Amino acid sequence: MLILRSELKPTIQKRSLKAFIDLAILCALTNQPLTGYGINTLFMNKFGIMVSPSMIYVTLVSMERKGWIKCIRNRNGRAYSLTDQGREIADDIRGIAEEIRSFTITLQKLKT
């Protein structure tokens, strides 16, 4: 799972990760349930970016309310896994990336 190119400037990469935190979490949960701490550790290992725990937990609560993820209790605390709806969204990440790309092209046209 590579969401952002590693050669991007860290400030842009960090802003992008924060802007698409819900999509990044969905992608992170495609392989296994993770705790909020586990998600943050994964982001740190993949991108070198530490996301505020409050941002992660607020996003997890929001995603749970939307029905994208569900909480499961395990010995490490609260872990989160994808629901069928969340898996559908994660599976459509290429389509979502194309929408983002199209929007970026539109932004570039504003400069001219």
PDB file of N, CA and C in Angstrom:
ATOM      1  N   MET A   1       0.848  -1.165   0.000  1.00  0.00           N
ATOM      2  CA  MET A   1       0.000   0.000   0.000  1.00  0.00           C
ATOM      3  C   MET A   1       0.898   1.235   0.000  1.00  0.00           C
ATOM      4  N   LEU A   2       0.933   1.931  -1.083  1.00  0.00           N
ATOM      5  CA  LEU A   2       1.673   3.180  -1.148  1.00  0.00           C
ATOM      6  C   LEU A   2       0.696   4.261  -1.545  1.00  0.00           C
ATOM      7  N   ILE A   3       0.439   5.166  -0.644  1.00  0.00           N
ATOM      8  CA  ILE A   3      -0.530   6.219  -0.903  1.00  0.00           C
ATOM      9  C   ILE A   3       0.150   7.451  -1.460  1.00  0.00           C
ATOM     10  N   LEU A   4       1.293   7.791  -0.922  1.00  0.00           N
ATOM     11  CA  LEU A   4       2.007   8.994  -1.328  1.00  0.00           C
ATOM     12  C   LEU A   4       3.413   8.640  -1.775  1.00  0.00           C
ATOM     13  N   ARG A   5       3.917   9.337  -2.767  1.00  0.00           N
ATOM     14  CA  ARG A   5       5.290   9.100  -3.223  1.00  0.00           C
ATOM     15  C   ARG A   5       6.259   9.590  -2.152  1.00  0.00           C
ATOM     16  N   SER A   6       7.260   8.800  -1.882  1.00  0.00           N
ATOM     17  CA  SER A   6       8.193   9.152  -0.811  1.00  0.00           C
ATOM     18  C   SER A   6       9.081  10.334  -1.169  1.00  0.00           C
ATOM     19  N   GLU A   7       9.216  10.683  -2.467  1.00  0.00           N
ATOM     20  CA  GLU A   7      10.087  11.796  -2.816  1.00  0.00           C
ATOM     21  C   GLU A   7       9.397  13.157  -2.688  1.00  0.00           C
ATOM     22  N   LEU A   8       8.127  13.192  -2.326  1.00  0.00           N
ATOM     23  CA  LEU A   8       7.452  14.468  -2.098  1.00  0.00           C
ATOM     24  C   LEU A   8       8.057  15.164  -0.894  1.00  0.00           C
ATOM     25  N   LYS A   9       8.005  16.486  -0.915  1.00  0.00           N
ATOM     26  CA  LYS A   9       8.488  17.219   0.255  1.00  0.00           C
ATOM     27  C   LYS A   9       7.672  16.780   1.469  1.00  0.00           C
ATOM     28  N   PRO A  10       8.314  16.611   2.609  1.00  0.00           N
ATOM     29  CA  PRO A  10       7.602  16.130   3.800  1.00  0.00           C
ATOM     30  C   PRO A  10       6.384  16.972   4.163  1.00  0.00           C
ATOM     31  N   THR A  11       6.447  18.280   3.974  1.00  0.00           N
ATOM     32  CA  THR A  11       5.298  19.096   4.347  1.00  0.00           C
ATOM     33  C   THR A  11       4.098  18.790   3.464  1.00  0.00           C
ATOM     34  N   ILE A  12       4.323  18.568   2.177  1.00  0.00           N
ATOM     35  CA  ILE A  12       3.242  18.214   1.263  1.00  0.00           C
ATOM     36  C   ILE A  12       2.725  16.819   1.596  1.00  0.00           C
ATOM     37  N   GLN A  13       3.632  15.912   1.859  1.00  0.00           N
ATOM     38  CA  GLN A  13       3.233  14.551   2.189  1.00  0.00           C
ATOM     39  C   GLN A  13       2.411  14.526   3.481  1.00  0.00           C
ATOM     40  N   LYS A  14       2.843  15.291   4.473  1.00  0.00           N
ATOM     41  CA  LYS A  14       2.117  15.332   5.737  1.00  0.00           C
ATOM     42  C   LYS A  14       0.732  15.944   5.544  1.00  0.00           C
ATOM     43  N   ARG A  15       0.650  17.025   4.790  1.00  0.00           N
ATOM     44  CA  ARG A  15      -0.642  17.653   4.520  1.00  0.00           C
ATOM     45  C   ARG A  15      -1.563  16.702   3.772  1.00  0.00           C
ATOM     46  N   SER A  16      -1.005  15.967   2.805  1.00  0.00           N
ATOM     47  CA  SER A  16      -1.809  15.026   2.030  1.00  0.00           C
ATOM     48  C   SER A  16      -2.318  13.892   2.908  1.00  0.00           C
ATOM     49  N   LEU A  17      -1.449  13.365   3.754  1.00  0.00           N
ATOM     50  CA  LEU A  17      -1.864  12.284   4.648  1.00  0.00           C
ATOM     51  C   LEU A  17      -2.981  12.755   5.559  1.00  0.00           C
ATOM     52  N   LYS A  18      -2.854  13.953   6.110  1.00  0.00           N
ATOM     53  CA  LYS A  18      -3.891  14.475   6.998  1.00  0.00           C
ATOM     54  C   LYS A  18      -5.195  14.731   6.245  1.00  0.00           C
ATOM     55  N   ALA A  19      -5.086  15.193   4.991  1.00  0.00           N
ATOM     56  CA  ALA A  19      -6.286  15.474   4.199  1.00  0.00           C
ATOM     57  C   ALA A  19      -7.044  14.198   3.851  1.00  0.00           C
ATOM     58  N   PHE A  20      -6.309  13.112   3.673  1.00  0.00           N
ATOM     59  CA  PHE A  20      -6.928  11.847   3.273  1.00  0.00           C
ATOM     60  C   PHE A  20      -6.761  10.783   4.350  1.00  0.00           C
ATOM     61  N   ILE A  21      -6.795  11.209   5.598  1.00  0.00           N
ATOM     62  CA  ILE A  21      -6.545  10.285   6.711  1.00  0.00           C
ATOM     63  C   ILE A  21      -7.532   9.119   6.719  1.00  0.00           C
ATOM     64  N   ASP A  22      -8.794   9.384   6.376  1.00  0.00           N
ATOM     65  CA  ASP A  22      -9.772   8.303   6.380  1.00  0.00           C
ATOM     66  C   ASP A  22      -9.448   7.256   5.319  1.00  0.00           C
ATOM     67  N   LEU A  23      -9.049   7.696   4.142  1.00  0.00           N
ATOM     68  CA  LEU A  23      -8.678   6.744   3.090  1.00  0.00           C
ATOM     69  C   LEU A  23      -7.408   5.983   3.462  1.00  0.00           C
ATOM     70  N   ALA A  24      -6.458   6.680   4.067  1.00  0.00           N
ATOM     71  CA  ALA A  24      -5.215   6.028   4.488  1.00  0.00           C
ATOM     72  C   ALA A  24      -5.508   4.954   5.545  1.00  0.00           C
ATOM     73  N   ILE A  25      -6.419   5.255   6.457  1.00  0.00           N
ATOM     74  CA  ILE A  25      -6.783   4.271   7.490  1.00  0.00           C
ATOM     75  C   ILE A  25      -7.473   3.077   6.850  1.00  0.00           C
ATOM     76  N   LEU A  26      -8.382   3.324   5.909  1.00  0.00           N
ATOM     77  CA  LEU A  26      -9.048   2.210   5.227  1.00  0.00           C
ATOM     78  C   LEU A  26      -8.016   1.299   4.561  1.00  0.00           C
ATOM     79  N   CYS A  27      -7.058   1.895   3.870  1.00  0.00           N
ATOM     80  CA  CYS A  27      -6.015   1.101   3.210  1.00  0.00           C
ATOM     81  C   CYS A  27      -5.176   0.341   4.237  1.00  0.00           C
ATOM     82  N   ALA A  28      -4.881   0.983   5.352  1.00  0.00           N
ATOM     83  CA  ALA A  28      -4.080   0.330   6.394  1.00  0.00           C
ATOM     84  C   ALA A  28      -4.802  -0.885   6.972  1.00  0.00           C
ATOM     85  N   LEU A  29      -6.124  -0.836   6.998  1.00  0.00           N
ATOM     86  CA  LEU A  29      -6.902  -1.922   7.601  1.00  0.00           C
ATOM     87  C   LEU A  29      -7.243  -3.045   6.621  1.00  0.00           C
ATOM     88  N   THR A  30      -6.818  -2.942   5.373  1.00  0.00           N
ATOM     89  CA  THR A  30      -7.176  -3.978   4.400  1.00  0.00           C
ATOM     90  C   THR A  30      -6.542  -5.328   4.704  1.00  0.00           C
ATOM     91  N   ASN A  31      -5.382  -5.327   5.342  1.00  0.00           N
ATOM     92  CA  ASN A  31      -4.689  -6.596   5.583  1.00  0.00           C
ATOM     93  C   ASN A  31      -4.956  -7.208   6.949  1.00  0.00           C
ATOM     94  N   GLN A  32      -5.227  -6.346   7.939  1.00  0.00           N
ATOM     95  CA  GLN A  32      -5.421  -6.867   9.297  1.00  0.00           C
ATOM     96  C   GLN A  32      -6.041  -5.796  10.172  1.00  0.00           C
ATOM     97  N   PRO A  33      -6.715  -6.218  11.241  1.00  0.00           N
ATOM     98  CA  PRO A  33      -7.206  -5.227  12.217  1.00  0.00           C
ATOM     99  C   PRO A  33      -6.019  -4.561  12.899  1.00  0.00           C
ATOM    100  N   LEU A  34      -6.170  -3.276  13.208  1.00  0.00           N
ATOM    101  CA  LEU A  34      -5.116  -2.523  13.878  1.00  0.00           C
ATOM    102  C   LEU A  34      -5.713  -1.646  14.961  1.00  0.00           C
ATOM    103  N   THR A  35      -4.921  -1.368  15.979  1.00  0.00           N
ATOM    104  CA  THR A  35      -5.294  -0.380  16.988  1.00  0.00           C
ATOM    105  C   THR A  35      -4.945   1.007  16.450  1.00  0.00           C
ATOM    106  N   GLY A  36      -5.422   2.040  17.105  1.00  0.00           N
ATOM    107  CA  GLY A  36      -5.040   3.393  16.719  1.00  0.00           C
ATOM    108  C   GLY A  36      -3.536   3.572  16.776  1.00  0.00           C
ATOM    109  N   TYR A  37      -2.919   3.027  17.806  1.00  0.00           N
ATOM    110  CA  TYR A  37      -1.460   3.087  17.937  1.00  0.00           C
ATOM    111  C   TYR A  37      -0.790   2.353  16.781  1.00  0.00           C
ATOM    112  N   GLY A  38      -1.330   1.191  16.415  1.00  0.00           N
ATOM    113  CA  GLY A  38      -0.772   0.417  15.305  1.00  0.00           C
ATOM    114  C   GLY A  38      -0.871   1.164  13.983  1.00  0.00           C
ATOM    115  N   ILE A  39      -1.976   1.877  13.789  1.00  0.00           N
ATOM    116  CA  ILE A  39      -2.148   2.685  12.574  1.00  0.00           C
ATOM    117  C   ILE A  39      -1.094   3.788  12.542  1.00  0.00           C
ATOM    118  N   ASN A  40      -0.913   4.465  13.656  1.00  0.00           N
ATOM    119  CA  ASN A  40       0.070   5.547  13.712  1.00  0.00           C
ATOM    120  C   ASN A  40       1.485   5.012  13.496  1.00  0.00           C
ATOM    121  N   THR A  41       1.784   3.867  14.062  1.00  0.00           N
ATOM    122  CA  THR A  41       3.094   3.248  13.871  1.00  0.00           C
ATOM    123  C   THR A  41       3.312   2.901  12.402  1.00  0.00           C
ATOM    124  N   LEU A  42       2.281   2.386  11.753  1.00  0.00           N
ATOM    125  CA  LEU A  42       2.373   2.065  10.329  1.00  0.00           C
ATOM    126  C   LEU A  42       2.648   3.318   9.508  1.00  0.00           C
ATOM    127  N   PHE A  43       1.938   4.418   9.803  1.00  0.00           N
ATOM    128  CA  PHE A  43       2.169   5.671   9.080  1.00  0.00           C
ATOM    129  C   PHE A  43       3.590   6.174   9.316  1.00  0.00           C
ATOM    130  N   MET A  44       4.064   6.027  10.530  1.00  0.00           N
ATOM    131  CA  MET A  44       5.419   6.468  10.857  1.00  0.00           C
ATOM    132  C   MET A  44       6.447   5.645  10.079  1.00  0.00           C
ATOM    133  N   ASN A  45       6.232   4.331  10.020  1.00  0.00           N
ATOM    134  CA  ASN A  45       7.169   3.452   9.306  1.00  0.00           C
ATOM    135  C   ASN A  45       7.117   3.660   7.798  1.00  0.00           C
ATOM    136  N   LYS A  46       5.922   3.852   7.247  1.00  0.00           N
ATOM    137  CA  LYS A  46       5.764   3.994   5.792  1.00  0.00           C
ATOM    138  C   LYS A  46       6.154   5.379   5.296  1.00  0.00           C
ATOM    139  N   PHE A  47       5.755   6.422   6.040  1.00  0.00           N
ATOM    140  CA  PHE A  47       5.899   7.786   5.555  1.00  0.00           C
ATOM    141  C   PHE A  47       6.824   8.657   6.392  1.00  0.00           C
ATOM    142  N   GLY A  48       7.205   8.181   7.571  1.00  0.00           N
ATOM    143  CA  GLY A  48       8.024   8.991   8.457  1.00  0.00           C
ATOM    144  C   GLY A  48       7.239  10.149   9.045  1.00  0.00           C
ATOM    145  N   ILE A  49       5.925   9.980   9.136  1.00  0.00           N
ATOM    146  CA  ILE A  49       5.049  11.050   9.615  1.00  0.00           C
ATOM    147  C   ILE A  49       4.290  10.557  10.841  1.00  0.00           C
ATOM    148  N   MET A  50       4.385  11.328  11.912  1.00  0.00           N
ATOM    149  CA  MET A  50       3.632  11.032  13.124  1.00  0.00           C
ATOM    150  C   MET A  50       2.358  11.865  13.079  1.00  0.00           C
ATOM    151  N   VAL A  51       1.226  11.193  13.076  1.00  0.00           N
ATOM    152  CA  VAL A  51      -0.062  11.870  13.072  1.00  0.00           C
ATOM    153  C   VAL A  51      -0.532  11.971  14.513  1.00  0.00           C
ATOM    154  N   SER A  52      -1.136  13.079  14.844  1.00  0.00           N
ATOM    155  CA  SER A  52      -1.638  13.272  16.193  1.00  0.00           C
ATOM    156  C   SER A  52      -2.612  12.143  16.553  1.00  0.00           C
ATOM    157  N   PRO A  53      -2.413  11.486  17.704  1.00  0.00           N
ATOM    158  CA  PRO A  53      -3.332  10.423  18.104  1.00  0.00           C
ATOM    159  C   PRO A  53      -4.789  10.892  18.143  1.00  0.00           C
ATOM    160  N   SER A  54      -5.010  12.133  18.552  1.00  0.00           N
ATOM    161  CA  SER A  54      -6.397  12.613  18.598  1.00  0.00           C
ATOM    162  C   SER A  54      -6.998  12.647  17.202  1.00  0.00           C
ATOM    163  N   MET A  55      -6.202  13.002  16.186  1.00  0.00           N
ATOM    164  CA  MET A  55      -6.712  13.003  14.811  1.00  0.00           C
ATOM    165  C   MET A  55      -7.089  11.591  14.382  1.00  0.00           C
ATOM    166  N   ILE A  56      -6.263  10.632  14.730  1.00  0.00           N
ATOM    167  CA  ILE A  56      -6.553   9.245  14.361  1.00  0.00           C
ATOM    168  C   ILE A  56      -7.814   8.763  15.058  1.00  0.00           C
ATOM    169  N   TYR A  57      -7.931   9.006  16.362  1.00  0.00           N
ATOM    170  CA  TYR A  57      -9.078   8.477  17.096  1.00  0.00           C
ATOM    171  C   TYR A  57     -10.377   9.182  16.713  1.00  0.00           C
ATOM    172  N   VAL A  58     -10.331  10.472  16.447  1.00  0.00           N
ATOM    173  CA  VAL A  58     -11.530  11.184  15.985  1.00  0.00           C
ATOM    174  C   VAL A  58     -11.969  10.609  14.642  1.00  0.00           C
ATOM    175  N   THR A  59     -11.004  10.348  13.767  1.00  0.00           N
ATOM    176  CA  THR A  59     -11.316   9.775  12.463  1.00  0.00           C
ATOM    177  C   THR A  59     -11.869   8.361  12.602  1.00  0.00           C
ATOM    178  N   LEU A  60     -11.299   7.560  13.491  1.00  0.00           N
ATOM    179  CA  LEU A  60     -11.807   6.206  13.713  1.00  0.00           C
ATOM    180  C   LEU A  60     -13.257   6.222  14.191  1.00  0.00           C
ATOM    181  N   VAL A  61     -13.571   7.115  15.120  1.00  0.00           N
ATOM    182  CA  VAL A  61     -14.949   7.218  15.624  1.00  0.00           C
ATOM    183  C   VAL A  61     -15.894   7.613  14.490  1.00  0.00           C
ATOM    184  N   SER A  62     -15.481   8.588  13.693  1.00  0.00           N
ATOM    185  CA  SER A  62     -16.295   9.031  12.561  1.00  0.00           C
ATOM    186  C   SER A  62     -16.516   7.896  11.563  1.00  0.00           C
ATOM    187  N   MET A  63     -15.463   7.165  11.263  1.00  0.00           N
ATOM    188  CA  MET A  63     -15.563   6.064  10.306  1.00  0.00           C
ATOM    189  C   MET A  63     -16.441   4.936  10.845  1.00  0.00           C
ATOM    190  N   GLU A  64     -16.378   4.714  12.150  1.00  0.00           N
ATOM    191  CA  GLU A  64     -17.220   3.683  12.772  1.00  0.00           C
ATOM    192  C   GLU A  64     -18.688   4.093  12.676  1.00  0.00           C
ATOM    193  N   ARG A  65     -18.973   5.358  12.905  1.00  0.00           N
ATOM    194  CA  ARG A  65     -20.356   5.854  12.800  1.00  0.00           C
ATOM    195  C   ARG A  65     -20.887   5.748  11.371  1.00  0.00           C
ATOM    196  N   LYS A  66     -20.002   5.925  10.390  1.00  0.00           N
ATOM    197  CA  LYS A  66     -20.409   5.815   8.984  1.00  0.00           C
ATOM    198  C   LYS A  66     -20.604   4.362   8.556  1.00  0.00           C
ATOM    199  N   GLY A  67     -20.126   3.441   9.393  1.00  0.00           N
ATOM    200  CA  GLY A  67     -20.256   2.024   9.067  1.00  0.00           C
ATOM    201  C   GLY A  67     -19.128   1.483   8.213  1.00  0.00           C
ATOM    202  N   TRP A  68     -18.019   2.208   8.125  1.00  0.00           N
ATOM    203  CA  TRP A  68     -16.882   1.768   7.312  1.00  0.00           C
ATOM    204  C   TRP A  68     -15.990   0.792   8.058  1.00  0.00           C
ATOM    205  N   ILE A  69     -15.937   0.926   9.386  1.00  0.00           N
ATOM    206  CA  ILE A  69     -15.091   0.064  10.208  1.00  0.00           C
ATOM    207  C   ILE A  69     -15.884  -0.388  11.423  1.00  0.00           C
ATOM    208  N   LYS A  70     -15.376  -1.417  12.077  1.00  0.00           N
ATOM    209  CA  LYS A  70     -15.979  -1.854  13.337  1.00  0.00           C
ATOM    210  C   LYS A  70     -14.867  -2.078  14.347  1.00  0.00           C
ATOM    211  N   CYS A  71     -15.213  -1.895  15.585  1.00  0.00           N
ATOM    212  CA  CYS A  71     -14.254  -2.059  16.680  1.00  0.00           C
ATOM    213  C   CYS A  71     -14.350  -3.478  17.212  1.00  0.00           C
ATOM    214  N   ILE A  72     -13.204  -4.086  17.406  1.00  0.00           N
ATOM    215  CA  ILE A  72     -13.149  -5.394  18.043  1.00  0.00           C
ATOM    216  C   ILE A  72     -12.179  -5.288  19.214  1.00  0.00           C
ATOM    217  N   ARG A  73     -12.584  -5.818  20.310  1.00  0.00           N
ATOM    218  CA  ARG A  73     -11.715  -5.793  21.491  1.00  0.00           C
ATOM    219  C   ARG A  73     -10.804  -7.006  21.458  1.00  0.00           C
ATOM    220  N   ASN A  74      -9.539  -6.744  21.707  1.00  0.00           N
ATOM    221  CA  ASN A  74      -8.578  -7.842  21.818  1.00  0.00           C
ATOM    222  C   ASN A  74      -7.670  -7.553  23.001  1.00  0.00           C
ATOM    223  N   ARG A  75      -6.674  -8.365  23.187  1.00  0.00           N
ATOM    224  CA  ARG A  75      -5.817  -8.189  24.370  1.00  0.00           C
ATOM    225  C   ARG A  75      -5.005  -6.894  24.324  1.00  0.00           C
ATOM    226  N   ASN A  76      -4.870  -6.294  23.119  1.00  0.00           N
ATOM    227  CA  ASN A  76      -4.154  -5.030  22.992  1.00  0.00           C
ATOM    228  C   ASN A  76      -5.067  -3.822  23.118  1.00  0.00           C
ATOM    229  N   GLY A  77      -6.330  -4.047  23.391  1.00  0.00           N
ATOM    230  CA  GLY A  77      -7.293  -2.953  23.512  1.00  0.00           C
ATOM    231  C   GLY A  77      -8.289  -2.976  22.374  1.00  0.00           C
ATOM    232  N   ARG A  78      -8.584  -1.806  21.865  1.00  0.00           N
ATOM    233  CA  ARG A  78      -9.566  -1.680  20.790  1.00  0.00           C
ATOM    234  C   ARG A  78      -8.859  -1.720  19.436  1.00  0.00           C
ATOM    235  N   ALA A  79      -9.181  -2.727  18.656  1.00  0.00           N
ATOM    236  CA  ALA A  79      -8.645  -2.827  17.297  1.00  0.00           C
ATOM    237  C   ALA A  79      -9.793  -2.562  16.335  1.00  0.00           C
ATOM    238  N   TYR A  80      -9.459  -2.144  15.148  1.00  0.00           N
ATOM    239  CA  TYR A  80     -10.470  -1.792  14.157  1.00  0.00           C
ATOM    240  C   TYR A  80     -10.268  -2.628  12.911  1.00  0.00           C
ATOM    241  N   SER A  81     -11.373  -3.039  12.316  1.00  0.00           N
ATOM    242  CA  SER A  81     -11.323  -3.793  11.068  1.00  0.00           C
ATOM    243  C   SER A  81     -12.367  -3.231  10.120  1.00  0.00           C
ATOM    244  N   LEU A  82     -12.215  -3.555   8.849  1.00  0.00           N
ATOM    245  CA  LEU A  82     -13.129  -3.049   7.834  1.00  0.00           C
ATOM    246  C   LEU A  82     -14.459  -3.786   7.871  1.00  0.00           C
ATOM    247  N   THR A  83     -15.521  -3.049   7.606  1.00  0.00           N
ATOM    248  CA  THR A  83     -16.811  -3.662   7.336  1.00  0.00           C
ATOM    249  C   THR A  83     -16.869  -3.909   5.834  1.00  0.00           C
ATOM    250  N   ASP A  84     -17.941  -4.518   5.355  1.00  0.00           N
ATOM    251  CA  ASP A  84     -18.087  -4.726   3.914  1.00  0.00           C
ATOM    252  C   ASP A  84     -18.089  -3.391   3.177  1.00  0.00           C
ATOM    253  N   GLN A  85     -18.767  -2.403   3.755  1.00  0.00           N
ATOM    254  CA  GLN A  85     -18.810  -1.076   3.137  1.00  0.00           C
ATOM    255  C   GLN A  85     -17.411  -0.448   3.088  1.00  0.00           C
ATOM    256  N   GLY A  86     -16.670  -0.564   4.161  1.00  0.00           N
ATOM    257  CA  GLY A  86     -15.310  -0.038   4.203  1.00  0.00           C
ATOM    258  C   GLY A  86     -14.405  -0.734   3.212  1.00  0.00           C
ATOM    259  N   ARG A  87     -14.583  -2.047   3.062  1.00  0.00           N
ATOM    260  CA  ARG A  87     -13.774  -2.809   2.102  1.00  0.00           C
ATOM    261  C   ARG A  87     -14.083  -2.370   0.669  1.00  0.00           C
ATOM    262  N   GLU A  88     -15.348  -2.091   0.377  1.00  0.00           N
ATOM    263  CA  GLU A  88     -15.712  -1.603  -0.964  1.00  0.00           C
ATOM    264  C   GLU A  88     -15.004  -0.287  -1.271  1.00  0.00           C
ATOM    265  N   ILE A  89     -14.981   0.607  -0.297  1.00  0.00           N
ATOM    266  CA  ILE A  89     -14.309   1.898  -0.499  1.00  0.00           C
ATOM    267  C   ILE A  89     -12.816   1.682  -0.689  1.00  0.00           C
ATOM    268  N   ALA A  90     -12.212   0.852   0.154  1.00  0.00           N
ATOM    269  CA  ALA A  90     -10.776   0.576   0.038  1.00  0.00           C
ATOM    270  C   ALA A  90     -10.459  -0.087  -1.296  1.00  0.00           C
ATOM    271  N   ASP A  91     -11.335  -0.960  -1.767  1.00  0.00           N
ATOM    272  CA  ASP A  91     -11.114  -1.629  -3.049  1.00  0.00           C
ATOM    273  C   ASP A  91     -11.200  -0.650  -4.218  1.00  0.00           C
ATOM    274  N   ASP A  92     -11.902   0.466  -4.023  1.00  0.00           N
ATOM    275  CA  ASP A  92     -12.061   1.458  -5.089  1.00  0.00           C
ATOM    276  C   ASP A  92     -11.034   2.584  -4.979  1.00  0.00           C
ATOM    277  N   ILE A  93      -9.921   2.331  -4.308  1.00  0.00           N
ATOM    278  CA  ILE A  93      -8.929   3.389  -4.088  1.00  0.00           C
ATOM    279  C   ILE A  93      -8.365   3.899  -5.418  1.00  0.00           C
ATOM    280  N   ARG A  94      -8.289   3.052  -6.431  1.00  0.00           N
ATOM    281  CA  ARG A  94      -7.810   3.524  -7.744  1.00  0.00           C
ATOM    282  C   ARG A  94      -8.779   4.544  -8.324  1.00  0.00           C
ATOM    283  N   GLY A  95     -10.071   4.291  -8.199  1.00  0.00           N
ATOM    284  CA  GLY A  95     -11.063   5.244  -8.682  1.00  0.00           C
ATOM    285  C   GLY A  95     -10.997   6.552  -7.920  1.00  0.00           C
ATOM    286  N   ILE A  96     -10.783   6.453  -6.614  1.00  0.00           N
ATOM    287  CA  ILE A  96     -10.657   7.647  -5.777  1.00  0.00           C
ATOM    288  C   ILE A  96      -9.399   8.416  -6.158  1.00  0.00           C
ATOM    289  N   ALA A  97      -8.304   7.691  -6.395  1.00  0.00           N
ATOM    290  CA  ALA A  97      -7.054   8.343  -6.803  1.00  0.00           C
ATOM    291  C   ALA A  97      -7.244   9.074  -8.129  1.00  0.00           C
ATOM    292  N   GLU A  98      -8.019   8.501  -9.033  1.00  0.00           N
ATOM    293  CA  GLU A  98      -8.273   9.154 -10.319  1.00  0.00           C
ATOM    294  C   GLU A  98      -9.073  10.448 -10.122  1.00  0.00           C
ATOM    295  N   GLU A  99     -10.030  10.435  -9.198  1.00  0.00           N
ATOM    296  CA  GLU A  99     -10.775  11.661  -8.888  1.00  0.00           C
ATOM    297  C   GLU A  99      -9.852  12.737  -8.332  1.00  0.00           C
ATOM    298  N   ILE A 100      -8.944  12.348  -7.463  1.00  0.00           N
ATOM    299  CA  ILE A 100      -7.988  13.291  -6.878  1.00  0.00           C
ATOM    300  C   ILE A 100      -7.079  13.835  -7.975  1.00  0.00           C
ATOM    301  N   ARG A 101      -6.612  12.972  -8.858  1.00  0.00           N
ATOM    302  CA  ARG A 101      -5.756  13.388  -9.968  1.00  0.00           C
ATOM    303  C   ARG A 101      -6.484  14.389 -10.865  1.00  0.00           C
ATOM    304  N   SER A 102      -7.734  14.108 -11.164  1.00  0.00           N
ATOM    305  CA  SER A 102      -8.538  15.004 -11.998  1.00  0.00           C
ATOM    306  C   SER A 102      -8.711  16.364 -11.326  1.00  0.00           C
ATOM    307  N   PHE A 103      -8.932  16.355 -10.026  1.00  0.00           N
ATOM    308  CA  PHE A 103      -9.071  17.602  -9.278  1.00  0.00           C
ATOM    309  C   PHE A 103      -7.765  18.395  -9.310  1.00  0.00           C
ATOM    310  N   THR A 104      -6.650  17.706  -9.171  1.00  0.00           N
ATOM    311  CA  THR A 104      -5.342  18.363  -9.203  1.00  0.00           C
ATOM    312  C   THR A 104      -5.094  19.009 -10.560  1.00  0.00           C
ATOM    313  N   ILE A 105      -5.470  18.339 -11.633  1.00  0.00           N
ATOM    314  CA  ILE A 105      -5.328  18.908 -12.977  1.00  0.00           C
ATOM    315  C   ILE A 105      -6.169  20.170 -13.100  1.00  0.00           C
ATOM    316  N   THR A 106      -7.369  20.138 -12.548  1.00  0.00           N
ATOM    317  CA  THR A 106      -8.223  21.319 -12.550  1.00  0.00           C
ATOM    318  C   THR A 106      -7.572  22.461 -11.775  1.00  0.00           C
ATOM    319  N   LEU A 107      -6.937  22.145 -10.655  1.00  0.00           N
ATOM    320  CA  LEU A 107      -6.224  23.179  -9.883  1.00  0.00           C
ATOM    321  C   LEU A 107      -5.094  23.799 -10.698  1.00  0.00           C
ATOM    322  N   GLN A 108      -4.379  22.961 -11.415  1.00  0.00           N
ATOM    323  CA  GLN A 108      -3.277  23.479 -12.242  1.00  0.00           C
ATOM    324  C   GLN A 108      -3.782  24.421 -13.326  1.00  0.00           C
ATOM    325  N   LYS A 109      -4.952  24.146 -13.845  1.00  0.00           N
ATOM    326  CA  LYS A 109      -5.532  25.007 -14.896  1.00  0.00           C
ATOM    327  C   LYS A 109      -5.934  26.357 -14.334  1.00  0.00           C
ATOM    328  N   LEU A 110      -6.166  26.453 -13.035  1.00  0.00           N
ATOM    329  CA  LEU A 110      -6.499  27.737 -12.423  1.00  0.00           C
ATOM    330  C   LEU A 110      -5.333  28.704 -12.495  1.00  0.00           C
ATOM    331  N   LYS A 111      -4.114  28.196 -12.527  1.00  0.00           N
ATOM    332  CA  LYS A 111      -2.918  29.041 -12.565  1.00  0.00           C
ATOM    333  C   LYS A 111      -2.746  29.724 -13.912  1.00  0.00           C
ATOM    334  N   THR A 112      -3.329  29.179 -14.959  1.00  0.00           N
ATOM    335  CA  THR A 112      -3.129  29.733 -16.295  1.00  0.00           C
ATOM    336  C   THR A 112      -4.250  30.651 -16.714  1.00  0.00           C
TER     337      THR A 112
END
